[in-house]
Amino acid sequence: METDNCDFKRDRNDQTGRWHLVAPALALLFQLAPPLLLWAISTAAYADPRRLSESWERPVSLLTLGLSAGISLLLGSIGVFGLLTRARPKVAVLLISVCCAPALFGGAVYLHGLLVFLALV
């Protein structure tokens, strides 16, 4: 009869790491990037020494909104999945409400903004 080696389970858990705790933090930290990027684009296009032509401002802004929406939704979803499958319930509820919900909401706002600027909504 075989017995489970406890050391093997501990080693396996150490190898997989704690990505389920890192992903929500990354999702929340990423929410700083889109507003800063959009500000940088508008400053580059409309400031006194123009670094970006006005004809490039709209496509670059739309690309920024699209990528921001996709990355926010992806990181938020990965964070929720990891927390629901690997974390303790109290930790999962706390991190989902503090880190993942703002990321998912931000992704939805960026996607809505993209669709409005593309005149699809």
PDB file of N, CA and C in Angstrom:
ATOM      1  N   MET A   1       0.841  -1.176   0.000  1.00  0.00           N
ATOM      2  CA  MET A   1       0.000   0.000   0.000  1.00  0.00           C
ATOM      3  C   MET A   1       0.889   1.243   0.000  1.00  0.00           C
ATOM      4  N   GLU A   2       0.578   2.202  -0.890  1.00  0.00           N
ATOM      5  CA  GLU A   2       1.396   3.390  -1.020  1.00  0.00           C
ATOM      6  C   GLU A   2       0.971   4.451  -0.018  1.00  0.00           C
ATOM      7  N   THR A   3       1.920   5.221   0.398  1.00  0.00           N
ATOM      8  CA  THR A   3       1.631   6.361   1.271  1.00  0.00           C
ATOM      9  C   THR A   3       2.040   7.627   0.545  1.00  0.00           C
ATOM     10  N   ASP A   4       1.312   8.685   0.808  1.00  0.00           N
ATOM     11  CA  ASP A   4       1.648   9.970   0.194  1.00  0.00           C
ATOM     12  C   ASP A   4       2.808  10.591   0.942  1.00  0.00           C
ATOM     13  N   ASN A   5       3.748  11.053   0.204  1.00  0.00           N
ATOM     14  CA  ASN A   5       4.903  11.704   0.787  1.00  0.00           C
ATOM     15  C   ASN A   5       4.557  13.178   0.985  1.00  0.00           C
ATOM     16  N   CYS A   6       4.515  13.612   2.218  1.00  0.00           N
ATOM     17  CA  CYS A   6       4.145  14.994   2.523  1.00  0.00           C
ATOM     18  C   CYS A   6       5.160  15.980   1.970  1.00  0.00           C
ATOM     19  N   ASP A   7       6.426  15.574   1.922  1.00  0.00           N
ATOM     20  CA  ASP A   7       7.446  16.462   1.385  1.00  0.00           C
ATOM     21  C   ASP A   7       7.197  16.752  -0.090  1.00  0.00           C
ATOM     22  N   PHE A   8       6.722  15.750  -0.813  1.00  0.00           N
ATOM     23  CA  PHE A   8       6.444  15.934  -2.227  1.00  0.00           C
ATOM     24  C   PHE A   8       5.344  16.972  -2.415  1.00  0.00           C
ATOM     25  N   LYS A   9       4.289  16.916  -1.612  1.00  0.00           N
ATOM     26  CA  LYS A   9       3.213  17.891  -1.749  1.00  0.00           C
ATOM     27  C   LYS A   9       3.698  19.293  -1.412  1.00  0.00           C
ATOM     28  N   ARG A  10       4.539  19.415  -0.388  1.00  0.00           N
ATOM     29  CA  ARG A  10       5.064  20.720  -0.031  1.00  0.00           C
ATOM     30  C   ARG A  10       5.946  21.259  -1.146  1.00  0.00           C
ATOM     31  N   ASP A  11       6.792  20.395  -1.716  1.00  0.00           N
ATOM     32  CA  ASP A  11       7.660  20.824  -2.812  1.00  0.00           C
ATOM     33  C   ASP A  11       6.847  21.238  -4.029  1.00  0.00           C
ATOM     34  N   ARG A  12       5.780  20.502  -4.308  1.00  0.00           N
ATOM     35  CA  ARG A  12       4.937  20.840  -5.445  1.00  0.00           C
ATOM     36  C   ARG A  12       4.273  22.199  -5.224  1.00  0.00           C
ATOM     37  N   ASN A  13       3.826  22.479  -4.007  1.00  0.00           N
ATOM     38  CA  ASN A  13       3.211  23.776  -3.724  1.00  0.00           C
ATOM     39  C   ASN A  13       4.236  24.900  -3.811  1.00  0.00           C
ATOM     40  N   ASP A  14       5.474  24.639  -3.397  1.00  0.00           N
ATOM     41  CA  ASP A  14       6.507  25.658  -3.503  1.00  0.00           C
ATOM     42  C   ASP A  14       6.846  25.946  -4.961  1.00  0.00           C
ATOM     43  N   GLN A  15       6.783  24.932  -5.805  1.00  0.00           N
ATOM     44  CA  GLN A  15       7.098  25.124  -7.214  1.00  0.00           C
ATOM     45  C   GLN A  15       6.030  25.956  -7.913  1.00  0.00           C
ATOM     46  N   THR A  16       4.779  25.726  -7.580  1.00  0.00           N
ATOM     47  CA  THR A  16       3.717  26.486  -8.232  1.00  0.00           C
ATOM     48  C   THR A  16       3.645  27.902  -7.699  1.00  0.00           C
ATOM     49  N   GLY A  17       4.151  28.131  -6.504  1.00  0.00           N
ATOM     50  CA  GLY A  17       4.227  29.475  -5.953  1.00  0.00           C
ATOM     51  C   GLY A  17       2.884  30.000  -5.497  1.00  0.00           C
ATOM     52  N   ARG A  18       2.854  31.271  -5.352  1.00  0.00           N
ATOM     53  CA  ARG A  18       1.639  31.944  -4.888  1.00  0.00           C
ATOM     54  C   ARG A  18       1.142  32.921  -5.945  1.00  0.00           C
ATOM     55  N   TRP A  19       1.037  32.436  -7.177  1.00  0.00           N
ATOM     56  CA  TRP A  19       0.592  33.299  -8.264  1.00  0.00           C
ATOM     57  C   TRP A  19      -0.833  33.775  -8.033  1.00  0.00           C
ATOM     58  N   HIS A  20      -1.620  32.996  -7.280  1.00  0.00           N
ATOM     59  CA  HIS A  20      -2.998  33.388  -7.033  1.00  0.00           C
ATOM     60  C   HIS A  20      -3.082  34.611  -6.124  1.00  0.00           C
ATOM     61  N   LEU A  21      -1.995  34.945  -5.432  1.00  0.00           N
ATOM     62  CA  LEU A  21      -1.957  36.168  -4.638  1.00  0.00           C
ATOM     63  C   LEU A  21      -1.282  37.313  -5.381  1.00  0.00           C
ATOM     64  N   VAL A  22      -0.450  36.987  -6.349  1.00  0.00           N
ATOM     65  CA  VAL A  22       0.261  38.011  -7.112  1.00  0.00           C
ATOM     66  C   VAL A  22      -0.616  38.575  -8.235  1.00  0.00           C
ATOM     67  N   ALA A  23      -1.409  37.732  -8.865  1.00  0.00           N
ATOM     68  CA  ALA A  23      -2.238  38.177  -9.997  1.00  0.00           C
ATOM     69  C   ALA A  23      -3.218  39.294  -9.610  1.00  0.00           C
ATOM     70  N   PRO A  24      -3.922  39.211  -8.476  1.00  0.00           N
ATOM     71  CA  PRO A  24      -4.799  40.335  -8.124  1.00  0.00           C
ATOM     72  C   PRO A  24      -4.036  41.635  -7.875  1.00  0.00           C
ATOM     73  N   ALA A  25      -2.853  41.532  -7.274  1.00  0.00           N
ATOM     74  CA  ALA A  25      -2.057  42.738  -7.045  1.00  0.00           C
ATOM     75  C   ALA A  25      -1.609  43.348  -8.376  1.00  0.00           C
ATOM     76  N   LEU A  26      -1.210  42.510  -9.315  1.00  0.00           N
ATOM     77  CA  LEU A  26      -0.845  43.016 -10.644  1.00  0.00           C
ATOM     78  C   LEU A  26      -2.038  43.646 -11.349  1.00  0.00           C
ATOM     79  N   ALA A  27      -3.211  43.038 -11.176  1.00  0.00           N
ATOM     80  CA  ALA A  27      -4.417  43.589 -11.799  1.00  0.00           C
ATOM     81  C   ALA A  27      -4.723  44.973 -11.254  1.00  0.00           C
ATOM     82  N   LEU A  28      -4.541  45.145  -9.954  1.00  0.00           N
ATOM     83  CA  LEU A  28      -4.803  46.453  -9.355  1.00  0.00           C
ATOM     84  C   LEU A  28      -3.729  47.470  -9.750  1.00  0.00           C
ATOM     85  N   LEU A  29      -2.477  47.057  -9.755  1.00  0.00           N
ATOM     86  CA  LEU A  29      -1.400  47.976 -10.136  1.00  0.00           C
ATOM     87  C   LEU A  29      -1.494  48.396 -11.601  1.00  0.00           C
ATOM     88  N   PHE A  30      -1.984  47.506 -12.442  1.00  0.00           N
ATOM     89  CA  PHE A  30      -2.104  47.843 -13.865  1.00  0.00           C
ATOM     90  C   PHE A  30      -3.095  48.979 -14.090  1.00  0.00           C
ATOM     91  N   GLN A  31      -4.010  49.193 -13.157  1.00  0.00           N
ATOM     92  CA  GLN A  31      -5.013  50.236 -13.344  1.00  0.00           C
ATOM     93  C   GLN A  31      -4.417  51.642 -13.338  1.00  0.00           C
ATOM     94  N   LEU A  32      -3.168  51.756 -12.937  1.00  0.00           N
ATOM     95  CA  LEU A  32      -2.490  53.049 -13.010  1.00  0.00           C
ATOM     96  C   LEU A  32      -1.996  53.356 -14.424  1.00  0.00           C
ATOM     97  N   ALA A  33      -1.750  52.333 -15.206  1.00  0.00           N
ATOM     98  CA  ALA A  33      -1.138  52.522 -16.524  1.00  0.00           C
ATOM     99  C   ALA A  33      -2.058  53.194 -17.555  1.00  0.00           C
ATOM    100  N   PRO A  34      -3.304  52.778 -17.755  1.00  0.00           N
ATOM    101  CA  PRO A  34      -4.111  53.389 -18.828  1.00  0.00           C
ATOM    102  C   PRO A  34      -4.328  54.895 -18.692  1.00  0.00           C
ATOM    103  N   PRO A  35      -4.684  55.413 -17.515  1.00  0.00           N
ATOM    104  CA  PRO A  35      -4.828  56.873 -17.449  1.00  0.00           C
ATOM    105  C   PRO A  35      -3.517  57.613 -17.723  1.00  0.00           C
ATOM    106  N   LEU A  36      -2.413  57.047 -17.238  1.00  0.00           N
ATOM    107  CA  LEU A  36      -1.117  57.685 -17.501  1.00  0.00           C
ATOM    108  C   LEU A  36      -0.760  57.647 -18.985  1.00  0.00           C
ATOM    109  N   LEU A  37      -1.045  56.520 -19.632  1.00  0.00           N
ATOM    110  CA  LEU A  37      -0.777  56.425 -21.070  1.00  0.00           C
ATOM    111  C   LEU A  37      -1.650  57.384 -21.872  1.00  0.00           C
ATOM    112  N   LEU A  38      -2.933  57.459 -21.528  1.00  0.00           N
ATOM    113  CA  LEU A  38      -3.820  58.373 -22.251  1.00  0.00           C
ATOM    114  C   LEU A  38      -3.415  59.824 -22.017  1.00  0.00           C
ATOM    115  N   TRP A  39      -2.973  60.149 -20.803  1.00  0.00           N
ATOM    116  CA  TRP A  39      -2.481  61.501 -20.539  1.00  0.00           C
ATOM    117  C   TRP A  39      -1.226  61.779 -21.361  1.00  0.00           C
ATOM    118  N   ALA A  40      -0.322  60.812 -21.425  1.00  0.00           N
ATOM    119  CA  ALA A  40       0.910  60.996 -22.191  1.00  0.00           C
ATOM    120  C   ALA A  40       0.617  61.167 -23.677  1.00  0.00           C
ATOM    121  N   ILE A  41      -0.355  60.425 -24.179  1.00  0.00           N
ATOM    122  CA  ILE A  41      -0.722  60.559 -25.597  1.00  0.00           C
ATOM    123  C   ILE A  41      -1.305  61.935 -25.874  1.00  0.00           C
ATOM    124  N   SER A  42      -2.205  62.398 -25.022  1.00  0.00           N
ATOM    125  CA  SER A  42      -2.808  63.712 -25.252  1.00  0.00           C
ATOM    126  C   SER A  42      -1.782  64.822 -25.097  1.00  0.00           C
ATOM    127  N   THR A  43      -0.869  64.682 -24.154  1.00  0.00           N
ATOM    128  CA  THR A  43       0.182  65.682 -23.990  1.00  0.00           C
ATOM    129  C   THR A  43       1.113  65.693 -25.198  1.00  0.00           C
ATOM    130  N   ALA A  44       1.441  64.517 -25.701  1.00  0.00           N
ATOM    131  CA  ALA A  44       2.324  64.446 -26.864  1.00  0.00           C
ATOM    132  C   ALA A  44       1.651  65.007 -28.112  1.00  0.00           C
ATOM    133  N   ALA A  45       0.334  64.869 -28.207  1.00  0.00           N
ATOM    134  CA  ALA A  45      -0.356  65.326 -29.416  1.00  0.00           C
ATOM    135  C   ALA A  45      -0.742  66.793 -29.362  1.00  0.00           C
ATOM    136  N   TYR A  46      -1.036  67.322 -28.171  1.00  0.00           N
ATOM    137  CA  TYR A  46      -1.590  68.675 -28.107  1.00  0.00           C
ATOM    138  C   TYR A  46      -0.743  69.663 -27.308  1.00  0.00           C
ATOM    139  N   ALA A  47       0.390  69.259 -26.773  1.00  0.00           N
ATOM    140  CA  ALA A  47       1.245  70.198 -26.048  1.00  0.00           C
ATOM    141  C   ALA A  47       1.956  71.116 -27.044  1.00  0.00           C
ATOM    142  N   ASP A  48       2.631  72.130 -26.518  1.00  0.00           N
ATOM    143  CA  ASP A  48       3.261  73.111 -27.391  1.00  0.00           C
ATOM    144  C   ASP A  48       4.334  72.501 -28.291  1.00  0.00           C
ATOM    145  N   PRO A  49       5.336  71.789 -27.794  1.00  0.00           N
ATOM    146  CA  PRO A  49       6.193  71.074 -28.751  1.00  0.00           C
ATOM    147  C   PRO A  49       5.547  69.721 -29.074  1.00  0.00           C
ATOM    148  N   ARG A  50       4.916  69.627 -30.222  1.00  0.00           N
ATOM    149  CA  ARG A  50       4.172  68.402 -30.570  1.00  0.00           C
ATOM    150  C   ARG A  50       5.124  67.283 -30.935  1.00  0.00           C
ATOM    151  N   ARG A  51       4.952  66.167 -30.223  1.00  0.00           N
ATOM    152  CA  ARG A  51       5.768  64.983 -30.487  1.00  0.00           C
ATOM    153  C   ARG A  51       4.989  63.922 -31.266  1.00  0.00           C
ATOM    154  N   LEU A  52       3.677  64.093 -31.313  1.00  0.00           N
ATOM    155  CA  LEU A  52       2.799  63.143 -31.996  1.00  0.00           C
ATOM    156  C   LEU A  52       1.812  63.952 -32.826  1.00  0.00           C
ATOM    157  N   SER A  53       1.683  63.609 -34.086  1.00  0.00           N
ATOM    158  CA  SER A  53       0.763  64.370 -34.925  1.00  0.00           C
ATOM    159  C   SER A  53      -0.682  64.067 -34.514  1.00  0.00           C
ATOM    160  N   GLU A  54      -1.535  65.040 -34.776  1.00  0.00           N
ATOM    161  CA  GLU A  54      -2.937  64.883 -34.394  1.00  0.00           C
ATOM    162  C   GLU A  54      -3.605  63.735 -35.140  1.00  0.00           C
ATOM    163  N   SER A  55      -3.130  63.422 -36.318  1.00  0.00           N
ATOM    164  CA  SER A  55      -3.726  62.320 -37.075  1.00  0.00           C
ATOM    165  C   SER A  55      -3.415  60.969 -36.433  1.00  0.00           C
ATOM    166  N   TRP A  56      -2.336  60.891 -35.661  1.00  0.00           N
ATOM    167  CA  TRP A  56      -1.980  59.641 -34.979  1.00  0.00           C
ATOM    168  C   TRP A  56      -2.596  59.526 -33.593  1.00  0.00           C
ATOM    169  N   GLU A  57      -3.134  60.612 -33.081  1.00  0.00           N
ATOM    170  CA  GLU A  57      -3.645  60.607 -31.714  1.00  0.00           C
ATOM    171  C   GLU A  57      -4.829  59.654 -31.543  1.00  0.00           C
ATOM    172  N   ARG A  58      -5.767  59.691 -32.457  1.00  0.00           N
ATOM    173  CA  ARG A  58      -6.949  58.827 -32.330  1.00  0.00           C
ATOM    174  C   ARG A  58      -6.601  57.342 -32.429  1.00  0.00           C
ATOM    175  N   PRO A  59      -5.855  56.886 -33.442  1.00  0.00           N
ATOM    176  CA  PRO A  59      -5.533  55.456 -33.495  1.00  0.00           C
ATOM    177  C   PRO A  59      -4.725  54.970 -32.288  1.00  0.00           C
ATOM    178  N   VAL A  60      -3.799  55.789 -31.820  1.00  0.00           N
ATOM    179  CA  VAL A  60      -2.991  55.389 -30.668  1.00  0.00           C
ATOM    180  C   VAL A  60      -3.863  55.331 -29.406  1.00  0.00           C
ATOM    181  N   SER A  61      -4.786  56.280 -29.268  1.00  0.00           N
ATOM    182  CA  SER A  61      -5.698  56.262 -28.116  1.00  0.00           C
ATOM    183  C   SER A  61      -6.619  55.049 -28.160  1.00  0.00           C
ATOM    184  N   LEU A  62      -7.124  54.725 -29.338  1.00  0.00           N
ATOM    185  CA  LEU A  62      -7.996  53.552 -29.467  1.00  0.00           C
ATOM    186  C   LEU A  62      -7.229  52.260 -29.175  1.00  0.00           C
ATOM    187  N   LEU A  63      -6.009  52.188 -29.648  1.00  0.00           N
ATOM    188  CA  LEU A  63      -5.185  51.022 -29.363  1.00  0.00           C
ATOM    189  C   LEU A  63      -4.909  50.905 -27.862  1.00  0.00           C
ATOM    190  N   THR A  64      -4.633  52.027 -27.227  1.00  0.00           N
ATOM    191  CA  THR A  64      -4.400  52.028 -25.781  1.00  0.00           C
ATOM    192  C   THR A  64      -5.647  51.579 -25.029  1.00  0.00           C
ATOM    193  N   LEU A  65      -6.808  52.080 -25.426  1.00  0.00           N
ATOM    194  CA  LEU A  65      -8.050  51.669 -24.768  1.00  0.00           C
ATOM    195  C   LEU A  65      -8.320  50.181 -24.972  1.00  0.00           C
ATOM    196  N   GLY A  66      -8.105  49.697 -26.180  1.00  0.00           N
ATOM    197  CA  GLY A  66      -8.347  48.280 -26.456  1.00  0.00           C
ATOM    198  C   GLY A  66      -7.426  47.366 -25.684  1.00  0.00           C
ATOM    199  N   LEU A  67      -6.145  47.679 -25.698  1.00  0.00           N
ATOM    200  CA  LEU A  67      -5.192  46.852 -24.955  1.00  0.00           C
ATOM    201  C   LEU A  67      -5.423  46.945 -23.450  1.00  0.00           C
ATOM    202  N   SER A  68      -5.759  48.131 -22.968  1.00  0.00           N
ATOM    203  CA  SER A  68      -6.022  48.293 -21.543  1.00  0.00           C
ATOM    204  C   SER A  68      -7.247  47.501 -21.114  1.00  0.00           C
ATOM    205  N   ALA A  69      -8.271  47.518 -21.934  1.00  0.00           N
ATOM    206  CA  ALA A  69      -9.473  46.745 -21.611  1.00  0.00           C
ATOM    207  C   ALA A  69      -9.157  45.254 -21.575  1.00  0.00           C
ATOM    208  N   GLY A  70      -8.462  44.763 -22.586  1.00  0.00           N
ATOM    209  CA  GLY A  70      -8.140  43.342 -22.633  1.00  0.00           C
ATOM    210  C   GLY A  70      -7.254  42.897 -21.492  1.00  0.00           C
ATOM    211  N   ILE A  71      -6.219  43.672 -21.204  1.00  0.00           N
ATOM    212  CA  ILE A  71      -5.297  43.289 -20.132  1.00  0.00           C
ATOM    213  C   ILE A  71      -5.978  43.385 -18.775  1.00  0.00           C
ATOM    214  N   SER A  72      -6.781  44.424 -18.558  1.00  0.00           N
ATOM    215  CA  SER A  72      -7.488  44.559 -17.273  1.00  0.00           C
ATOM    216  C   SER A  72      -8.450  43.407 -17.049  1.00  0.00           C
ATOM    217  N   LEU A  73      -9.226  43.083 -18.063  1.00  0.00           N
ATOM    218  CA  LEU A  73     -10.178  41.981 -17.926  1.00  0.00           C
ATOM    219  C   LEU A  73      -9.465  40.647 -17.751  1.00  0.00           C
ATOM    220  N   LEU A  74      -8.372  40.458 -18.461  1.00  0.00           N
ATOM    221  CA  LEU A  74      -7.617  39.213 -18.341  1.00  0.00           C
ATOM    222  C   LEU A  74      -6.993  39.068 -16.958  1.00  0.00           C
ATOM    223  N   LEU A  75      -6.311  40.112 -16.482  1.00  0.00           N
ATOM    224  CA  LEU A  75      -5.688  40.034 -15.161  1.00  0.00           C
ATOM    225  C   LEU A  75      -6.731  39.896 -14.054  1.00  0.00           C
ATOM    226  N   GLY A  76      -7.833  40.617 -14.179  1.00  0.00           N
ATOM    227  CA  GLY A  76      -8.895  40.491 -13.181  1.00  0.00           C
ATOM    228  C   GLY A  76      -9.493  39.099 -13.160  1.00  0.00           C
ATOM    229  N   SER A  77      -9.712  38.520 -14.328  1.00  0.00           N
ATOM    230  CA  SER A  77     -10.283  37.175 -14.408  1.00  0.00           C
ATOM    231  C   SER A  77      -9.320  36.114 -13.895  1.00  0.00           C
ATOM    232  N   ILE A  78      -8.052  36.241 -14.247  1.00  0.00           N
ATOM    233  CA  ILE A  78      -7.057  35.295 -13.736  1.00  0.00           C
ATOM    234  C   ILE A  78      -6.964  35.394 -12.219  1.00  0.00           C
ATOM    235  N   GLY A  79      -7.013  36.622 -11.709  1.00  0.00           N
ATOM    236  CA  GLY A  79      -6.971  36.811 -10.266  1.00  0.00           C
ATOM    237  C   GLY A  79      -8.155  36.189  -9.558  1.00  0.00           C
ATOM    238  N   VAL A  80      -9.349  36.388 -10.094  1.00  0.00           N
ATOM    239  CA  VAL A  80     -10.550  35.803  -9.481  1.00  0.00           C
ATOM    240  C   VAL A  80     -10.483  34.284  -9.535  1.00  0.00           C
ATOM    241  N   PHE A  81     -10.104  33.739 -10.685  1.00  0.00           N
ATOM    242  CA  PHE A  81     -10.016  32.285 -10.812  1.00  0.00           C
ATOM    243  C   PHE A  81      -9.008  31.704  -9.819  1.00  0.00           C
ATOM    244  N   GLY A  82      -7.843  32.302  -9.746  1.00  0.00           N
ATOM    245  CA  GLY A  82      -6.820  31.812  -8.830  1.00  0.00           C
ATOM    246  C   GLY A  82      -7.260  31.886  -7.379  1.00  0.00           C
ATOM    247  N   LEU A  83      -7.904  32.978  -7.017  1.00  0.00           N
ATOM    248  CA  LEU A  83      -8.351  33.115  -5.632  1.00  0.00           C
ATOM    249  C   LEU A  83      -9.477  32.147  -5.295  1.00  0.00           C
ATOM    250  N   LEU A  84     -10.392  31.960  -6.212  1.00  0.00           N
ATOM    251  CA  LEU A  84     -11.500  31.047  -5.935  1.00  0.00           C
ATOM    252  C   LEU A  84     -11.062  29.594  -5.879  1.00  0.00           C
ATOM    253  N   THR A  85     -10.020  29.242  -6.591  1.00  0.00           N
ATOM    254  CA  THR A  85      -9.597  27.842  -6.619  1.00  0.00           C
ATOM    255  C   THR A  85      -8.476  27.520  -5.643  1.00  0.00           C
ATOM    256  N   ARG A  86      -7.699  28.520  -5.189  1.00  0.00           N
ATOM    257  CA  ARG A  86      -6.520  28.198  -4.393  1.00  0.00           C
ATOM    258  C   ARG A  86      -6.447  28.882  -3.038  1.00  0.00           C
ATOM    259  N   ALA A  87      -7.178  29.958  -2.813  1.00  0.00           N
ATOM    260  CA  ALA A  87      -7.029  30.721  -1.574  1.00  0.00           C
ATOM    261  C   ALA A  87      -8.119  30.355  -0.570  1.00  0.00           C
ATOM    262  N   ARG A  88      -7.880  30.754   0.660  1.00  0.00           N
ATOM    263  CA  ARG A  88      -8.889  30.593   1.703  1.00  0.00           C
ATOM    264  C   ARG A  88     -10.062  31.506   1.391  1.00  0.00           C
ATOM    265  N   PRO A  89     -11.261  31.120   1.809  1.00  0.00           N
ATOM    266  CA  PRO A  89     -12.439  31.934   1.456  1.00  0.00           C
ATOM    267  C   PRO A  89     -12.362  33.389   1.923  1.00  0.00           C
ATOM    268  N   LYS A  90     -11.885  33.630   3.140  1.00  0.00           N
ATOM    269  CA  LYS A  90     -11.825  35.017   3.636  1.00  0.00           C
ATOM    270  C   LYS A  90     -10.816  35.840   2.845  1.00  0.00           C
ATOM    271  N   VAL A  91      -9.691  35.239   2.536  1.00  0.00           N
ATOM    272  CA  VAL A  91      -8.677  35.932   1.737  1.00  0.00           C
ATOM    273  C   VAL A  91      -9.209  36.183   0.330  1.00  0.00           C
ATOM    274  N   ALA A  92      -9.904  35.194  -0.228  1.00  0.00           N
ATOM    275  CA  ALA A  92     -10.443  35.335  -1.585  1.00  0.00           C
ATOM    276  C   ALA A  92     -11.457  36.476  -1.658  1.00  0.00           C
ATOM    277  N   VAL A  93     -12.356  36.537  -0.695  1.00  0.00           N
ATOM    278  CA  VAL A  93     -13.368  37.601  -0.709  1.00  0.00           C
ATOM    279  C   VAL A  93     -12.708  38.970  -0.589  1.00  0.00           C
ATOM    280  N   LEU A  94     -11.743  39.084   0.297  1.00  0.00           N
ATOM    281  CA  LEU A  94     -11.067  40.361   0.495  1.00  0.00           C
ATOM    282  C   LEU A  94     -10.320  40.805  -0.758  1.00  0.00           C
ATOM    283  N   LEU A  95      -9.509  39.911  -1.330  1.00  0.00           N
ATOM    284  CA  LEU A  95      -8.722  40.294  -2.496  1.00  0.00           C
ATOM    285  C   LEU A  95      -9.570  40.480  -3.749  1.00  0.00           C
ATOM    286  N   ILE A  96     -10.634  39.715  -3.874  1.00  0.00           N
ATOM    287  CA  ILE A  96     -11.521  39.917  -5.027  1.00  0.00           C
ATOM    288  C   ILE A  96     -12.187  41.276  -4.942  1.00  0.00           C
ATOM    289  N   SER A  97     -12.650  41.645  -3.747  1.00  0.00           N
ATOM    290  CA  SER A  97     -13.343  42.932  -3.627  1.00  0.00           C
ATOM    291  C   SER A  97     -12.388  44.121  -3.699  1.00  0.00           C
ATOM    292  N   VAL A  98     -11.155  43.962  -3.214  1.00  0.00           N
ATOM    293  CA  VAL A  98     -10.221  45.091  -3.195  1.00  0.00           C
ATOM    294  C   VAL A  98      -9.404  45.194  -4.482  1.00  0.00           C
ATOM    295  N   CYS A  99      -8.993  44.064  -5.043  1.00  0.00           N
ATOM    296  CA  CYS A  99      -8.075  44.094  -6.196  1.00  0.00           C
ATOM    297  C   CYS A  99      -8.740  43.727  -7.521  1.00  0.00           C
ATOM    298  N   CYS A 100      -9.490  42.648  -7.534  1.00  0.00           N
ATOM    299  CA  CYS A 100     -10.009  42.139  -8.814  1.00  0.00           C
ATOM    300  C   CYS A 100     -11.229  42.910  -9.308  1.00  0.00           C
ATOM    301  N   ALA A 101     -12.129  43.293  -8.401  1.00  0.00           N
ATOM    302  CA  ALA A 101     -13.328  44.021  -8.828  1.00  0.00           C
ATOM    303  C   ALA A 101     -12.975  45.361  -9.477  1.00  0.00           C
ATOM    304  N   PRO A 102     -12.058  46.156  -8.897  1.00  0.00           N
ATOM    305  CA  PRO A 102     -11.684  47.396  -9.604  1.00  0.00           C
ATOM    306  C   PRO A 102     -11.047  47.142 -10.968  1.00  0.00           C
ATOM    307  N   ALA A 103     -10.272  46.065 -11.086  1.00  0.00           N
ATOM    308  CA  ALA A 103      -9.656  45.751 -12.378  1.00  0.00           C
ATOM    309  C   ALA A 103     -10.717  45.352 -13.398  1.00  0.00           C
ATOM    310  N   LEU A 104     -11.663  44.542 -12.989  1.00  0.00           N
ATOM    311  CA  LEU A 104     -12.740  44.142 -13.906  1.00  0.00           C
ATOM    312  C   LEU A 104     -13.614  45.335 -14.273  1.00  0.00           C
ATOM    313  N   PHE A 105     -13.905  46.180 -13.307  1.00  0.00           N
ATOM    314  CA  PHE A 105     -14.688  47.380 -13.585  1.00  0.00           C
ATOM    315  C   PHE A 105     -13.928  48.320 -14.526  1.00  0.00           C
ATOM    316  N   GLY A 106     -12.640  48.495 -14.260  1.00  0.00           N
ATOM    317  CA  GLY A 106     -11.826  49.333 -15.136  1.00  0.00           C
ATOM    318  C   GLY A 106     -11.776  48.781 -16.554  1.00  0.00           C
ATOM    319  N   GLY A 107     -11.626  47.464 -16.690  1.00  0.00           N
ATOM    320  CA  GLY A 107     -11.632  46.852 -18.013  1.00  0.00           C
ATOM    321  C   GLY A 107     -12.939  47.071 -18.742  1.00  0.00           C
ATOM    322  N   ALA A 108     -14.048  46.991 -18.007  1.00  0.00           N
ATOM    323  CA  ALA A 108     -15.354  47.239 -18.620  1.00  0.00           C
ATOM    324  C   ALA A 108     -15.493  48.695 -19.049  1.00  0.00           C
ATOM    325  N   VAL A 109     -14.970  49.615 -18.235  1.00  0.00           N
ATOM    326  CA  VAL A 109     -15.025  51.038 -18.595  1.00  0.00           C
ATOM    327  C   VAL A 109     -14.171  51.319 -19.823  1.00  0.00           C
ATOM    328  N   TYR A 110     -12.973  50.744 -19.880  1.00  0.00           N
ATOM    329  CA  TYR A 110     -12.115  50.946 -21.049  1.00  0.00           C
ATOM    330  C   TYR A 110     -12.747  50.351 -22.305  1.00  0.00           C
ATOM    331  N   LEU A 111     -13.356  49.192 -22.175  1.00  0.00           N
ATOM    332  CA  LEU A 111     -14.029  48.580 -23.319  1.00  0.00           C
ATOM    333  C   LEU A 111     -15.210  49.422 -23.767  1.00  0.00           C
ATOM    334  N   HIS A 112     -15.979  49.937 -22.826  1.00  0.00           N
ATOM    335  CA  HIS A 112     -17.110  50.797 -23.177  1.00  0.00           C
ATOM    336  C   HIS A 112     -16.616  52.074 -23.865  1.00  0.00           C
ATOM    337  N   GLY A 113     -15.536  52.651 -23.335  1.00  0.00           N
ATOM    338  CA  GLY A 113     -14.978  53.841 -23.974  1.00  0.00           C
ATOM    339  C   GLY A 113     -14.505  53.561 -25.389  1.00  0.00           C
ATOM    340  N   LEU A 114     -13.886  52.405 -25.581  1.00  0.00           N
ATOM    341  CA  LEU A 114     -13.445  52.023 -26.927  1.00  0.00           C
ATOM    342  C   LEU A 114     -14.634  51.891 -27.871  1.00  0.00           C
ATOM    343  N   LEU A 115     -15.679  51.229 -27.415  1.00  0.00           N
ATOM    344  CA  LEU A 115     -16.847  51.033 -28.267  1.00  0.00           C
ATOM    345  C   LEU A 115     -17.563  52.356 -28.546  1.00  0.00           C
ATOM    346  N   VAL A 116     -17.566  53.266 -27.586  1.00  0.00           N
ATOM    347  CA  VAL A 116     -18.174  54.588 -27.824  1.00  0.00           C
ATOM    348  C   VAL A 116     -17.367  55.357 -28.872  1.00  0.00           C
ATOM    349  N   PHE A 117     -16.036  55.350 -28.737  1.00  0.00           N
ATOM    350  CA  PHE A 117     -15.216  56.085 -29.703  1.00  0.00           C
ATOM    351  C   PHE A 117     -15.243  55.448 -31.085  1.00  0.00           C
ATOM    352  N   LEU A 118     -15.517  54.160 -31.152  1.00  0.00           N
ATOM    353  CA  LEU A 118     -15.667  53.512 -32.455  1.00  0.00           C
ATOM    354  C   LEU A 118     -17.082  53.640 -32.990  1.00  0.00           C
ATOM    355  N   ALA A 119     -17.971  54.302 -32.243  1.00  0.00           N
ATOM    356  CA  ALA A 119     -19.379  54.529 -32.618  1.00  0.00           C
ATOM    357  C   ALA A 119     -20.127  53.224 -32.777  1.00  0.00           C
ATOM    358  N   LEU A 120     -19.829  52.262 -31.916  1.00  0.00           N
ATOM    359  CA  LEU A 120     -20.554  50.994 -31.935  1.00  0.00           C
ATOM    360  C   LEU A 120     -21.586  50.908 -30.824  1.00  0.00           C
ATOM    361  N   VAL A 121     -21.545  51.836 -29.883  1.00  0.00           N
ATOM    362  CA  VAL A 121     -22.518  51.847 -28.774  1.00  0.00           C
ATOM    363  C   VAL A 121     -23.245  53.155 -28.792  1.00  0.00           C
TER     364      VAL A 121
END
